[in-house]
Amino acid sequence: MLAETETITLTIDAAREEAFRALDQPEPLPQVFEERPFCRYAPIERRIETARVLIINDLLRDERDLSEYGRVVWWGEQAGRNLARERFISGMALENIEKNVLRLVKNPTTVRAHISEIEQAADEFKPEAIVLSGTLTDFDFYKPSILESFKQFIHTTRIPVLAICGGHQLVG
């Protein structure tokens, strides 16, 4: 009887092990995907001859951009670290936006400005389009005057605006 029990246990253990091995194997792709690459790359053609694009940095620059709430929550060294992180990421984001404009437009002219300067930059540069970057921080951390002046600008401008991520929330 004992030998029979051991055999059953070993058989169950072997079946369980085989099932786990099967789970570790990737599922085969449907035949359609086996015949061609999963994602086809289509090169982008630069069809637009020229464009004047104002790229707006929506991230916080320094303590001048912080609300009272932001100053209370981010005090001392933490404020410096968080703002440095915002500046670092905004630099990468703006560079990425500029590269994408270059991929689409043959002869672009771009200018970067901070959200607090959007109205003045638009008046001086006369862009054909505006691109708003994303954000990292809740808008509670932004100085209310920055948000209010942006609200007034966005409600009155006739310039097309592309808003990315948090920039889209800001427009809303």
C-alpha atoms as a PDB file:
ATOM      1  CA  MET A   1       0.000   0.000   0.000  1.00  0.00           C
ATOM      2  CA  LEU A   2       2.816   2.428   0.873  1.00  0.00           C
ATOM      3  CA  ALA A   3       4.519   1.920  -2.497  1.00  0.00           C
ATOM      4  CA  GLU A   4       1.237   2.676  -4.269  1.00  0.00           C
ATOM      5  CA  THR A   5       0.831   5.935  -2.275  1.00  0.00           C
ATOM      6  CA  GLU A   6       4.406   6.987  -3.105  1.00  0.00           C
ATOM      7  CA  THR A   7       3.789   6.317  -6.800  1.00  0.00           C
ATOM      8  CA  ILE A   8       0.614   8.444  -6.785  1.00  0.00           C
ATOM      9  CA  THR A   9       2.402  11.284  -4.944  1.00  0.00           C
ATOM     10  CA  LEU A  10       5.348  11.172  -7.365  1.00  0.00           C
ATOM     11  CA  THR A  11       2.985  11.158 -10.330  1.00  0.00           C
ATOM     12  CA  ILE A  12       1.087  14.177  -8.964  1.00  0.00           C
ATOM     13  CA  ASP A  13       4.359  16.013  -8.225  1.00  0.00           C
ATOM     14  CA  ALA A  14       5.650  15.297 -11.741  1.00  0.00           C
ATOM     15  CA  ALA A  15       2.390  16.519 -13.289  1.00  0.00           C
ATOM     16  CA  ARG A  16       2.481  19.692 -11.160  1.00  0.00           C
ATOM     17  CA  GLU A  17       6.104  20.338 -12.151  1.00  0.00           C
ATOM     18  CA  GLU A  18       5.263  19.854 -15.836  1.00  0.00           C
ATOM     19  CA  ALA A  19       2.321  22.290 -15.513  1.00  0.00           C
ATOM     20  CA  PHE A  20       4.564  24.946 -13.939  1.00  0.00           C
ATOM     21  CA  ARG A  21       7.139  24.496 -16.711  1.00  0.00           C
ATOM     22  CA  ALA A  22       4.398  24.989 -19.289  1.00  0.00           C
ATOM     23  CA  LEU A  23       3.366  28.234 -17.584  1.00  0.00           C
ATOM     24  CA  ASP A  24       6.923  29.548 -17.898  1.00  0.00           C
ATOM     25  CA  GLN A  25       6.883  29.109 -21.681  1.00  0.00           C
ATOM     26  CA  PRO A  26       5.599  32.006 -23.789  1.00  0.00           C
ATOM     27  CA  GLU A  27       2.359  31.392 -25.615  1.00  0.00           C
ATOM     28  CA  PRO A  28       2.846  31.042 -29.357  1.00  0.00           C
ATOM     29  CA  LEU A  29       1.725  34.066 -31.324  1.00  0.00           C
ATOM     30  CA  PRO A  30      -1.267  33.751 -33.636  1.00  0.00           C
ATOM     31  CA  GLN A  31      -0.235  32.859 -37.178  1.00  0.00           C
ATOM     32  CA  VAL A  32      -0.869  36.386 -38.467  1.00  0.00           C
ATOM     33  CA  PHE A  33       1.919  37.707 -36.236  1.00  0.00           C
ATOM     34  CA  GLU A  34       4.293  34.872 -37.073  1.00  0.00           C
ATOM     35  CA  GLU A  35       4.191  35.938 -40.731  1.00  0.00           C
ATOM     36  CA  ARG A  36       5.254  39.577 -40.209  1.00  0.00           C
ATOM     37  CA  PRO A  37       6.766  41.740 -37.465  1.00  0.00           C
ATOM     38  CA  PHE A  38       4.381  42.554 -34.638  1.00  0.00           C
ATOM     39  CA  CYS A  39       4.780  46.317 -34.980  1.00  0.00           C
ATOM     40  CA  ARG A  40       5.565  47.663 -38.388  1.00  0.00           C
ATOM     41  CA  TYR A  41       7.806  50.704 -38.471  1.00  0.00           C
ATOM     42  CA  ALA A  42       6.628  53.365 -40.833  1.00  0.00           C
ATOM     43  CA  PRO A  43       9.123  56.150 -41.412  1.00  0.00           C
ATOM     44  CA  ILE A  44       7.780  59.632 -40.780  1.00  0.00           C
ATOM     45  CA  GLU A  45       7.842  61.946 -43.752  1.00  0.00           C
ATOM     46  CA  ARG A  46       8.474  65.590 -43.070  1.00  0.00           C
ATOM     47  CA  ARG A  47       5.593  67.092 -45.006  1.00  0.00           C
ATOM     48  CA  ILE A  48       5.436  70.461 -43.257  1.00  0.00           C
ATOM     49  CA  GLU A  49       7.832  73.003 -44.792  1.00  0.00           C
ATOM     50  CA  THR A  50       8.030  75.515 -41.930  1.00  0.00           C
ATOM     51  CA  ALA A  51       6.416  76.022 -38.550  1.00  0.00           C
ATOM     52  CA  ARG A  52       6.860  78.375 -35.638  1.00  0.00           C
ATOM     53  CA  VAL A  53       6.334  76.300 -32.482  1.00  0.00           C
ATOM     54  CA  LEU A  54       6.292  77.645 -28.948  1.00  0.00           C
ATOM     55  CA  ILE A  55       7.269  74.893 -26.505  1.00  0.00           C
ATOM     56  CA  ILE A  56       5.991  75.545 -23.000  1.00  0.00           C
ATOM     57  CA  ASN A  57       7.639  74.094 -19.913  1.00  0.00           C
ATOM     58  CA  ASP A  58       4.823  73.301 -17.451  1.00  0.00           C
ATOM     59  CA  LEU A  59       7.128  72.134 -14.665  1.00  0.00           C
ATOM     60  CA  LEU A  60       8.156  74.099 -11.609  1.00  0.00           C
ATOM     61  CA  ARG A  61      11.445  75.987 -12.043  1.00  0.00           C
ATOM     62  CA  ASP A  62      12.289  77.230  -8.591  1.00  0.00           C
ATOM     63  CA  GLU A  63      10.766  78.403  -5.313  1.00  0.00           C
ATOM     64  CA  ARG A  64       9.182  81.432  -7.013  1.00  0.00           C
ATOM     65  CA  ASP A  65       6.748  79.011  -8.710  1.00  0.00           C
ATOM     66  CA  LEU A  66       5.643  77.313  -5.460  1.00  0.00           C
ATOM     67  CA  SER A  67       2.308  77.985  -3.775  1.00  0.00           C
ATOM     68  CA  GLU A  68       2.114  78.495  -0.015  1.00  0.00           C
ATOM     69  CA  TYR A  69       0.987  74.875   0.242  1.00  0.00           C
ATOM     70  CA  GLY A  70       4.058  73.795  -1.746  1.00  0.00           C
ATOM     71  CA  ARG A  71       6.336  75.781   0.551  1.00  0.00           C
ATOM     72  CA  VAL A  72       4.848  74.095   3.628  1.00  0.00           C
ATOM     73  CA  VAL A  73       5.015  70.562   2.214  1.00  0.00           C
ATOM     74  CA  TRP A  74       8.393  70.983   0.498  1.00  0.00           C
ATOM     75  CA  TRP A  75      10.502  72.884   2.962  1.00  0.00           C
ATOM     76  CA  GLY A  76      14.265  73.199   3.225  1.00  0.00           C
ATOM     77  CA  GLU A  77      16.419  70.678   1.420  1.00  0.00           C
ATOM     78  CA  GLN A  78      13.423  68.678   0.176  1.00  0.00           C
ATOM     79  CA  ALA A  79      12.235  71.692  -1.832  1.00  0.00           C
ATOM     80  CA  GLY A  80      15.658  72.038  -3.419  1.00  0.00           C
ATOM     81  CA  ARG A  81      15.848  68.342  -4.323  1.00  0.00           C
ATOM     82  CA  ASN A  82      12.316  68.226  -5.739  1.00  0.00           C
ATOM     83  CA  LEU A  83      12.782  71.393  -7.771  1.00  0.00           C
ATOM     84  CA  ALA A  84      16.137  70.147  -9.092  1.00  0.00           C
ATOM     85  CA  ARG A  85      14.409  66.940 -10.188  1.00  0.00           C
ATOM     86  CA  GLU A  86      11.672  68.986 -11.907  1.00  0.00           C
ATOM     87  CA  ARG A  87      14.304  71.044 -13.771  1.00  0.00           C
ATOM     88  CA  PHE A  88      16.218  67.926 -14.828  1.00  0.00           C
ATOM     89  CA  ILE A  89      13.120  66.160 -16.140  1.00  0.00           C
ATOM     90  CA  SER A  90      11.765  69.288 -17.810  1.00  0.00           C
ATOM     91  CA  GLY A  91      15.039  69.633 -19.706  1.00  0.00           C
ATOM     92  CA  MET A  92      14.687  66.109 -21.073  1.00  0.00           C
ATOM     93  CA  ALA A  93      10.984  66.598 -21.863  1.00  0.00           C
ATOM     94  CA  LEU A  94      11.546  69.852 -23.753  1.00  0.00           C
ATOM     95  CA  GLU A  95      14.416  68.326 -25.701  1.00  0.00           C
ATOM     96  CA  ASN A  96      12.203  65.375 -26.640  1.00  0.00           C
ATOM     97  CA  ILE A  97       9.414  67.699 -27.812  1.00  0.00           C
ATOM     98  CA  GLU A  98      11.907  69.683 -29.904  1.00  0.00           C
ATOM     99  CA  LYS A  99      13.260  66.487 -31.483  1.00  0.00           C
ATOM    100  CA  ASN A 100       9.735  65.430 -32.417  1.00  0.00           C
ATOM    101  CA  VAL A 101       9.046  68.818 -34.000  1.00  0.00           C
ATOM    102  CA  LEU A 102      12.267  68.364 -36.008  1.00  0.00           C
ATOM    103  CA  ARG A 103      11.050  64.938 -37.147  1.00  0.00           C
ATOM    104  CA  LEU A 104       7.831  66.463 -38.511  1.00  0.00           C
ATOM    105  CA  VAL A 105       8.844  69.872 -39.864  1.00  0.00           C
ATOM    106  CA  LYS A 106      11.525  70.515 -42.506  1.00  0.00           C
ATOM    107  CA  ASN A 107      12.503  73.995 -41.273  1.00  0.00           C
ATOM    108  CA  PRO A 108      11.066  74.575 -37.797  1.00  0.00           C
ATOM    109  CA  THR A 109      11.611  77.584 -35.605  1.00  0.00           C
ATOM    110  CA  THR A 110      11.114  76.775 -31.935  1.00  0.00           C
ATOM    111  CA  VAL A 111      11.233  78.836 -28.805  1.00  0.00           C
ATOM    112  CA  ARG A 112      11.031  77.546 -25.248  1.00  0.00           C
ATOM    113  CA  ALA A 113       9.280  79.417 -22.460  1.00  0.00           C
ATOM    114  CA  HIS A 114       7.936  78.690 -19.014  1.00  0.00           C
ATOM    115  CA  ILE A 115       4.207  78.483 -18.390  1.00  0.00           C
ATOM    116  CA  SER A 116       4.401  81.697 -16.362  1.00  0.00           C
ATOM    117  CA  GLU A 117       5.650  83.477 -19.520  1.00  0.00           C
ATOM    118  CA  ILE A 118       3.254  81.951 -22.056  1.00  0.00           C
ATOM    119  CA  GLU A 119       1.315  85.120 -22.922  1.00  0.00           C
ATOM    120  CA  GLN A 120       4.412  87.290 -23.352  1.00  0.00           C
ATOM    121  CA  ALA A 121       6.239  84.571 -25.339  1.00  0.00           C
ATOM    122  CA  ALA A 122       3.248  84.078 -27.639  1.00  0.00           C
ATOM    123  CA  ASP A 123       2.927  87.839 -28.227  1.00  0.00           C
ATOM    124  CA  GLU A 124       6.632  88.212 -29.047  1.00  0.00           C
ATOM    125  CA  PHE A 125       7.235  84.979 -31.001  1.00  0.00           C
ATOM    126  CA  LYS A 126       3.892  84.773 -32.859  1.00  0.00           C
ATOM    127  CA  PRO A 127       3.820  80.949 -32.991  1.00  0.00           C
ATOM    128  CA  GLU A 128       1.691  78.901 -35.352  1.00  0.00           C
ATOM    129  CA  ALA A 129       1.359  76.223 -32.654  1.00  0.00           C
ATOM    130  CA  ILE A 130       1.995  75.766 -28.956  1.00  0.00           C
ATOM    131  CA  VAL A 131       3.081  72.503 -27.296  1.00  0.00           C
ATOM    132  CA  LEU A 132       2.606  72.170 -23.541  1.00  0.00           C
ATOM    133  CA  SER A 133       4.899  69.723 -21.759  1.00  0.00           C
ATOM    134  CA  GLY A 134       3.732  67.331 -19.084  1.00  0.00           C
ATOM    135  CA  THR A 135       3.909  67.922 -15.337  1.00  0.00           C
ATOM    136  CA  LEU A 136       5.256  65.979 -12.361  1.00  0.00           C
ATOM    137  CA  THR A 137       3.665  67.743  -9.447  1.00  0.00           C
ATOM    138  CA  ASP A 138       0.069  68.318  -8.394  1.00  0.00           C
ATOM    139  CA  PHE A 139      -1.222  71.744  -9.334  1.00  0.00           C
ATOM    140  CA  ASP A 140      -1.710  72.504  -5.628  1.00  0.00           C
ATOM    141  CA  PHE A 141       2.059  73.108  -5.566  1.00  0.00           C
ATOM    142  CA  TYR A 142       1.863  75.796  -8.282  1.00  0.00           C
ATOM    143  CA  LYS A 143       1.568  79.452  -7.369  1.00  0.00           C
ATOM    144  CA  PRO A 144      -2.096  80.395  -8.016  1.00  0.00           C
ATOM    145  CA  SER A 145      -1.136  83.429 -10.124  1.00  0.00           C
ATOM    146  CA  ILE A 146       0.656  81.135 -12.630  1.00  0.00           C
ATOM    147  CA  LEU A 147      -2.440  78.963 -12.993  1.00  0.00           C
ATOM    148  CA  GLU A 148      -4.762  81.962 -13.245  1.00  0.00           C
ATOM    149  CA  SER A 149      -2.737  83.710 -15.950  1.00  0.00           C
ATOM    150  CA  PHE A 150      -2.512  80.432 -17.887  1.00  0.00           C
ATOM    151  CA  LYS A 151      -6.284  79.985 -17.584  1.00  0.00           C
ATOM    152  CA  GLN A 152      -6.894  83.466 -19.001  1.00  0.00           C
ATOM    153  CA  PHE A 153      -4.468  82.848 -21.859  1.00  0.00           C
ATOM    154  CA  ILE A 154      -5.820  79.422 -22.831  1.00  0.00           C
ATOM    155  CA  HIS A 155      -9.424  80.695 -22.856  1.00  0.00           C
ATOM    156  CA  THR A 156      -8.610  83.559 -25.224  1.00  0.00           C
ATOM    157  CA  THR A 157      -5.875  82.272 -27.519  1.00  0.00           C
ATOM    158  CA  ARG A 158      -6.616  81.364 -31.142  1.00  0.00           C
ATOM    159  CA  ILE A 159      -3.287  79.524 -31.484  1.00  0.00           C
ATOM    160  CA  PRO A 160      -3.607  75.712 -31.785  1.00  0.00           C
ATOM    161  CA  VAL A 161      -2.369  73.988 -28.625  1.00  0.00           C
ATOM    162  CA  LEU A 162      -1.065  70.437 -28.238  1.00  0.00           C
ATOM    163  CA  ALA A 163      -1.066  69.505 -24.561  1.00  0.00           C
ATOM    164  CA  ILE A 164       0.850  66.468 -23.345  1.00  0.00           C
ATOM    165  CA  CYS A 165      -0.085  64.540 -20.192  1.00  0.00           C
ATOM    166  CA  GLY A 166      -0.277  67.025 -17.296  1.00  0.00           C
ATOM    167  CA  GLY A 167      -0.401  69.870 -19.818  1.00  0.00           C
ATOM    168  CA  HIS A 168      -3.667  68.379 -21.034  1.00  0.00           C
ATOM    169  CA  GLN A 169      -4.990  68.349 -17.464  1.00  0.00           C
ATOM    170  CA  LEU A 170      -3.904  71.941 -17.102  1.00  0.00           C
ATOM    171  CA  VAL A 171      -5.926  72.950 -20.159  1.00  0.00           C
ATOM    172  CA  GLY A 172      -8.956  71.184 -18.651  1.00  0.00           C
END
